[in-house]
Amino acid sequence: MGKGVVFVCLLAAVAMFGASSSTASATTAAAPSAAAPIIVPAGSAKWEPLQGYAGVEQAILSGDPSQAGSQYAERLKLADGVKFPPHTHPQSEQVTVLSGTLLVGVGKTMDPSKMVALPAGSYVWVPANVPHYAAAKGETIIEIHGVGPDTIDMVK
């Protein structure tokens, strides 16, 4: 896919998400009401193990990833070597690498030779229903933004 097509897709995603409701309910103590800004100072995110995924911790920053139509932001802390086998999501997914390196690939079969290394500061937008996979190289923290429900459907 050419850079121009990716840029147009990103612009479309920004327009789509910008037009969505901005009244997400916060699941952090930092948000007194849906009409107030949500502020999460560095180091204050509440990390909890992500059920069903060994070596993964989750911190919800805003919204509720499980609720349909809810704009959300969450962080995942991945231990070195954590892998997400080929899967899809019913909604598009926006991922920013905050620290470490995230290895990503597209397709229905995990192929390490086709994975792209994304160091801290990198961003990836995955359209809905596109099979993809990922792995952490070193402890890696990613931030995911999207519109719920954020479900993961493993490729069979």
Protein backbone atom coordinates (compact mmCIF):
# COMPACT_ATOMS: atom_id res chain seq x y z
CA MET A 1 0.00 0.00 0.00
CA GLY A 2 1.49 3.37 -1.00
CA LYS A 3 2.16 6.18 1.45
CA GLY A 4 -0.56 8.29 -0.16
CA VAL A 5 -3.21 5.61 0.38
CA VAL A 6 -2.10 5.12 4.01
CA PHE A 7 -2.26 8.89 4.55
CA VAL A 8 -5.78 9.09 3.09
CA CYS A 9 -6.85 6.15 5.30
CA LEU A 10 -5.41 7.89 8.36
CA LEU A 11 -7.20 11.13 7.46
CA ALA A 12 -10.46 9.20 7.09
CA ALA A 13 -9.90 7.58 10.47
CA VAL A 14 -9.22 10.94 12.11
CA ALA A 15 -12.37 12.39 10.54
CA MET A 16 -14.43 9.37 11.61
CA PHE A 17 -13.19 9.41 15.19
CA GLY A 18 -13.40 13.19 15.43
CA ALA A 19 -17.06 13.08 14.47
CA SER A 20 -17.83 10.45 17.11
CA SER A 21 -19.34 11.30 20.46
CA SER A 22 -16.95 12.80 22.98
CA THR A 23 -19.01 11.86 26.01
CA ALA A 24 -17.14 8.69 26.99
CA SER A 25 -17.48 7.79 30.64
CA ALA A 26 -14.18 7.58 32.46
CA THR A 27 -13.16 4.56 34.45
CA THR A 28 -10.35 6.44 36.19
CA ALA A 29 -10.69 8.37 39.43
CA ALA A 30 -9.31 11.43 37.62
CA ALA A 31 -12.63 12.10 35.84
CA PRO A 32 -15.34 13.71 37.99
CA SER A 33 -17.85 13.86 35.11
CA ALA A 34 -18.12 13.09 31.40
CA ALA A 35 -18.10 16.84 30.66
CA ALA A 36 -14.75 17.42 32.40
CA PRO A 37 -11.29 16.72 30.98
CA ILE A 38 -9.72 13.40 31.90
CA ILE A 39 -6.22 13.91 33.25
CA VAL A 40 -3.95 10.96 33.95
CA PRO A 41 -0.61 12.21 35.28
CA ALA A 42 2.49 10.21 34.38
CA GLY A 43 2.91 7.22 36.65
CA SER A 44 -0.68 7.26 37.95
CA ALA A 45 -2.30 4.73 35.60
CA LYS A 46 -3.76 1.77 37.50
CA TRP A 47 -2.29 -1.44 36.03
CA GLU A 48 -4.15 -4.73 36.35
CA PRO A 49 -3.45 -8.14 34.81
CA LEU A 50 -5.34 -8.61 31.55
CA GLN A 51 -7.41 -11.73 32.08
CA GLY A 52 -6.55 -14.52 29.66
CA TYR A 53 -3.20 -13.04 28.57
CA ALA A 54 -0.12 -14.06 30.56
CA GLY A 55 2.48 -11.30 30.76
CA VAL A 56 0.02 -8.51 29.86
CA GLU A 57 -1.20 -5.72 32.14
CA GLN A 58 -3.93 -3.23 31.23
CA ALA A 59 -4.67 0.34 32.37
CA ILE A 60 -7.90 1.96 31.20
CA LEU A 61 -7.34 5.71 30.79
CA SER A 62 -10.80 6.72 29.58
CA GLY A 63 -14.02 5.26 28.28
CA ASP A 64 -15.00 1.62 28.41
CA PRO A 65 -13.52 -0.65 25.72
CA SER A 66 -16.27 -3.23 26.32
CA GLN A 67 -19.16 -0.85 25.60
CA ALA A 68 -20.47 -0.36 22.07
CA GLY A 69 -19.94 3.20 20.87
CA SER A 70 -17.65 4.19 23.76
CA GLN A 71 -14.49 6.03 22.72
CA TYR A 72 -11.71 4.64 24.86
CA ALA A 73 -8.00 4.89 25.55
CA GLU A 74 -6.13 2.09 27.24
CA ARG A 75 -2.53 1.06 27.77
CA LEU A 76 -1.11 -2.42 27.65
CA LYS A 77 2.18 -3.34 29.29
CA LEU A 78 3.63 -6.39 27.53
CA ALA A 79 6.37 -8.55 29.01
CA ASP A 80 9.26 -9.41 26.70
CA GLY A 81 8.22 -12.11 24.22
CA VAL A 82 4.44 -11.75 24.66
CA LYS A 83 2.72 -12.72 21.41
CA PHE A 84 -0.72 -11.99 20.04
CA PRO A 85 -1.44 -14.65 17.39
CA PRO A 86 -3.34 -13.70 14.22
CA HIS A 87 -6.61 -12.02 15.10
CA THR A 88 -9.09 -9.37 14.02
CA HIS A 89 -11.20 -6.70 15.70
CA PRO A 90 -14.72 -5.64 14.62
CA GLN A 91 -13.67 -1.97 14.95
CA SER A 92 -10.52 -0.25 13.72
CA GLU A 93 -7.64 -0.05 16.18
CA GLN A 94 -5.12 2.76 16.71
CA VAL A 95 -1.90 1.84 18.49
CA THR A 96 0.98 4.06 19.62
CA VAL A 97 4.16 2.48 20.98
CA LEU A 98 5.14 4.36 24.14
CA SER A 99 8.19 2.29 25.11
CA GLY A 100 9.97 -0.85 23.98
CA THR A 101 9.43 -2.34 20.53
CA LEU A 102 6.26 -3.82 19.09
CA LEU A 103 6.68 -6.27 16.23
CA VAL A 104 3.62 -6.36 13.94
CA GLY A 105 2.56 -8.30 10.90
CA VAL A 106 -0.50 -8.60 8.68
CA GLY A 107 -2.05 -11.89 7.64
CA LYS A 108 -3.75 -15.04 8.84
CA THR A 109 -0.49 -16.84 9.71
CA MET A 110 2.15 -15.52 12.10
CA ASP A 111 5.35 -15.11 10.08
CA PRO A 112 8.26 -13.56 12.06
CA SER A 113 10.11 -12.77 8.81
CA LYS A 114 7.28 -10.42 7.76
CA MET A 115 6.98 -8.54 11.05
CA VAL A 116 7.88 -4.87 11.17
CA ALA A 117 9.65 -3.51 14.27
CA LEU A 118 7.94 -0.42 15.67
CA PRO A 119 10.06 1.39 18.29
CA ALA A 120 8.76 3.94 20.80
CA GLY A 121 6.97 6.80 19.06
CA SER A 122 5.61 4.60 16.26
CA TYR A 123 1.92 4.49 15.34
CA VAL A 124 -0.20 1.95 13.50
CA TRP A 125 -3.86 2.05 12.44
CA VAL A 126 -5.43 -1.33 11.71
CA PRO A 127 -8.77 -1.27 9.87
CA ALA A 128 -11.64 -3.39 11.20
CA ASN A 129 -11.55 -7.10 10.35
CA VAL A 130 -7.96 -7.07 9.00
CA PRO A 131 -6.05 -10.13 10.30
CA HIS A 132 -2.86 -9.10 12.09
CA TYR A 133 -0.48 -10.29 14.81
CA ALA A 134 2.05 -8.78 17.20
CA ALA A 135 4.83 -9.53 19.66
CA ALA A 136 6.80 -7.55 22.24
CA LYS A 137 10.56 -7.18 22.00
CA GLY A 138 11.63 -6.23 25.50
CA GLU A 139 9.05 -4.87 27.93
CA THR A 140 6.76 -2.79 25.73
CA ILE A 141 3.99 -0.34 26.57
CA ILE A 142 1.40 0.53 23.94
CA GLU A 143 -1.58 2.86 23.99
CA ILE A 144 -4.70 1.82 22.12
CA HIS A 145 -7.49 4.18 21.07
CA GLY A 146 -10.71 3.15 19.48
CA VAL A 147 -14.47 2.86 19.71
CA GLY A 148 -15.91 -0.10 21.60
CA PRO A 149 -16.55 -2.83 21.72
CA ASP A 150 -12.87 -3.75 21.68
CA THR A 151 -13.02 -7.49 21.16
CA ILE A 152 -10.42 -9.82 19.75
CA ASP A 153 -11.39 -12.62 17.39
CA MET A 154 -8.66 -15.21 16.88
CA VAL A 155 -8.10 -16.35 13.29
CA LYS A 156 -8.85 -20.06 12.89
